[in-house]
């Protein structure tokens, strides 16, 4: 679990990433704090998502998107519009 925290920390720098067990089904919670120590995001994931390279990439992409939304740099409606415009995927964040 510590190596996953380190990988997420590198991918989501400058945010501080904490991964903690959550529940009894192998779930965990990922918490991101900004450099000032304020919690910006909390998301729950299945541990299997963090153990598989492809799924971990999807987790990081989703957290990047959620950070942009939380910081007000991207509106959720923009993401929906991009998805509905001819199957175009939003740019990687």
C-alpha atoms as a PDB file:
ATOM      1  CA  UNK A   1       0.000   0.000   0.000  1.00  0.00           C
ATOM      2  CA  UNK A   2       2.901   2.322   0.719  1.00  0.00           C
ATOM      3  CA  UNK A   3       4.323   1.892  -2.795  1.00  0.00           C
ATOM      4  CA  UNK A   4       0.902   2.806  -4.245  1.00  0.00           C
ATOM      5  CA  UNK A   5       0.905   5.956  -2.081  1.00  0.00           C
ATOM      6  CA  UNK A   6       4.343   6.870  -3.404  1.00  0.00           C
ATOM      7  CA  UNK A   7       3.303   6.309  -7.038  1.00  0.00           C
ATOM      8  CA  UNK A   8       0.147   8.381  -6.587  1.00  0.00           C
ATOM      9  CA  UNK A   9       2.164  11.062  -4.781  1.00  0.00           C
ATOM     10  CA  UNK A  10       4.542  11.357  -7.721  1.00  0.00           C
ATOM     11  CA  UNK A  11       1.729  11.412 -10.277  1.00  0.00           C
ATOM     12  CA  UNK A  12      -0.329  13.982  -8.361  1.00  0.00           C
ATOM     13  CA  UNK A  13       2.424  16.270  -7.114  1.00  0.00           C
ATOM     14  CA  UNK A  14       2.282  18.855  -5.466  1.00  0.00           C
ATOM     15  CA  UNK A  15      -0.663  17.275  -3.633  1.00  0.00           C
ATOM     16  CA  UNK A  16      -0.036  15.101  -0.587  1.00  0.00           C
ATOM     17  CA  UNK A  17      -1.626  11.688  -1.152  1.00  0.00           C
ATOM     18  CA  UNK A  18      -2.742   9.356   1.627  1.00  0.00           C
ATOM     19  CA  UNK A  19      -4.166   5.888   0.983  1.00  0.00           C
ATOM     20  CA  UNK A  20      -5.975   4.298   3.927  1.00  0.00           C
ATOM     21  CA  UNK A  21      -7.983   1.077   4.266  1.00  0.00           C
ATOM     22  CA  UNK A  22     -11.729   1.674   4.191  1.00  0.00           C
ATOM     23  CA  UNK A  23     -14.126  -1.146   4.889  1.00  0.00           C
ATOM     24  CA  UNK A  24     -13.579  -4.863   4.900  1.00  0.00           C
ATOM     25  CA  UNK A  25     -13.861  -5.663   1.189  1.00  0.00           C
ATOM     26  CA  UNK A  26     -10.411  -4.458   0.196  1.00  0.00           C
ATOM     27  CA  UNK A  27     -11.638  -0.913  -0.328  1.00  0.00           C
ATOM     28  CA  UNK A  28      -9.426   2.053   0.402  1.00  0.00           C
ATOM     29  CA  UNK A  29      -9.761   5.805   0.556  1.00  0.00           C
ATOM     30  CA  UNK A  30      -7.458   8.170  -1.298  1.00  0.00           C
ATOM     31  CA  UNK A  31      -7.171  11.628   0.247  1.00  0.00           C
ATOM     32  CA  UNK A  32      -5.463  14.534  -1.498  1.00  0.00           C
ATOM     33  CA  UNK A  33      -4.316  17.621   0.379  1.00  0.00           C
ATOM     34  CA  UNK A  34      -3.024  20.786  -1.215  1.00  0.00           C
ATOM     35  CA  UNK A  35       0.392  22.193  -0.222  1.00  0.00           C
ATOM     36  CA  UNK A  36      -1.300  24.147   2.595  1.00  0.00           C
ATOM     37  CA  UNK A  37      -2.564  20.868   4.102  1.00  0.00           C
ATOM     38  CA  UNK A  38      -6.232  21.396   3.212  1.00  0.00           C
ATOM     39  CA  UNK A  39      -8.141  18.322   2.037  1.00  0.00           C
ATOM     40  CA  UNK A  40      -9.138  18.892  -1.586  1.00  0.00           C
ATOM     41  CA  UNK A  41     -10.449  15.426  -2.523  1.00  0.00           C
ATOM     42  CA  UNK A  42     -11.461  12.158  -0.911  1.00  0.00           C
ATOM     43  CA  UNK A  43     -12.316   9.235  -3.139  1.00  0.00           C
ATOM     44  CA  UNK A  44     -12.971   5.587  -2.459  1.00  0.00           C
ATOM     45  CA  UNK A  45     -11.481   2.846  -4.610  1.00  0.00           C
ATOM     46  CA  UNK A  46     -11.262  -0.902  -4.616  1.00  0.00           C
ATOM     47  CA  UNK A  47      -7.751  -2.044  -3.812  1.00  0.00           C
ATOM     48  CA  UNK A  48      -7.689  -4.050  -7.066  1.00  0.00           C
ATOM     49  CA  UNK A  49      -7.972  -0.770  -9.008  1.00  0.00           C
ATOM     50  CA  UNK A  50      -4.779   0.439  -7.393  1.00  0.00           C
ATOM     51  CA  UNK A  51      -2.947  -2.826  -7.969  1.00  0.00           C
ATOM     52  CA  UNK A  52      -3.486  -3.058 -11.726  1.00  0.00           C
ATOM     53  CA  UNK A  53      -1.358  -0.742 -13.869  1.00  0.00           C
ATOM     54  CA  UNK A  54      -4.095   0.067 -16.410  1.00  0.00           C
ATOM     55  CA  UNK A  55      -6.701   0.689 -13.724  1.00  0.00           C
ATOM     56  CA  UNK A  56      -4.231   2.762 -11.705  1.00  0.00           C
ATOM     57  CA  UNK A  57      -3.729   4.965 -14.773  1.00  0.00           C
ATOM     58  CA  UNK A  58      -7.496   5.446 -14.957  1.00  0.00           C
ATOM     59  CA  UNK A  59      -7.574   6.313 -11.249  1.00  0.00           C
ATOM     60  CA  UNK A  60      -4.867   8.962 -11.709  1.00  0.00           C
ATOM     61  CA  UNK A  61      -6.629  10.412 -14.778  1.00  0.00           C
ATOM     62  CA  UNK A  62      -9.886  10.591 -12.832  1.00  0.00           C
ATOM     63  CA  UNK A  63      -8.207  12.251  -9.856  1.00  0.00           C
ATOM     64  CA  UNK A  64      -6.566  14.818 -12.161  1.00  0.00           C
ATOM     65  CA  UNK A  65      -9.972  15.611 -13.651  1.00  0.00           C
ATOM     66  CA  UNK A  66     -11.570  15.848 -10.198  1.00  0.00           C
ATOM     67  CA  UNK A  67      -8.793  18.196  -9.053  1.00  0.00           C
ATOM     68  CA  UNK A  68      -9.404  20.487 -12.018  1.00  0.00           C
ATOM     69  CA  UNK A  69     -13.102  20.562 -11.178  1.00  0.00           C
ATOM     70  CA  UNK A  70     -12.459  21.097  -7.444  1.00  0.00           C
ATOM     71  CA  UNK A  71     -10.126  23.994  -8.225  1.00  0.00           C
ATOM     72  CA  UNK A  72     -12.666  25.553 -10.581  1.00  0.00           C
ATOM     73  CA  UNK A  73     -10.420  25.163 -13.621  1.00  0.00           C
ATOM     74  CA  UNK A  74     -12.802  22.798 -15.404  1.00  0.00           C
ATOM     75  CA  UNK A  75     -16.589  22.696 -15.339  1.00  0.00           C
ATOM     76  CA  UNK A  76     -18.285  19.277 -15.245  1.00  0.00           C
ATOM     77  CA  UNK A  77     -20.575  20.376 -18.077  1.00  0.00           C
ATOM     78  CA  UNK A  78     -17.514  20.811 -20.324  1.00  0.00           C
ATOM     79  CA  UNK A  79     -16.580  17.182 -19.776  1.00  0.00           C
ATOM     80  CA  UNK A  80     -20.134  16.074 -20.580  1.00  0.00           C
ATOM     81  CA  UNK A  81     -20.189  18.211 -23.723  1.00  0.00           C
ATOM     82  CA  UNK A  82     -16.888  16.748 -24.921  1.00  0.00           C
ATOM     83  CA  UNK A  83     -18.104  13.213 -24.354  1.00  0.00           C
ATOM     84  CA  UNK A  84     -21.320  13.860 -26.247  1.00  0.00           C
ATOM     85  CA  UNK A  85     -19.632  15.575 -29.207  1.00  0.00           C
ATOM     86  CA  UNK A  86     -19.210  12.660 -31.574  1.00  0.00           C
ATOM     87  CA  UNK A  87     -17.560  10.343 -29.101  1.00  0.00           C
ATOM     88  CA  UNK A  88     -14.584  12.616 -28.632  1.00  0.00           C
ATOM     89  CA  UNK A  89     -12.725  11.861 -25.408  1.00  0.00           C
ATOM     90  CA  UNK A  90     -11.640  14.781 -23.261  1.00  0.00           C
ATOM     91  CA  UNK A  91      -7.920  15.518 -23.394  1.00  0.00           C
ATOM     92  CA  UNK A  92      -5.749  13.655 -20.899  1.00  0.00           C
ATOM     93  CA  UNK A  93      -5.315  15.732 -17.766  1.00  0.00           C
END
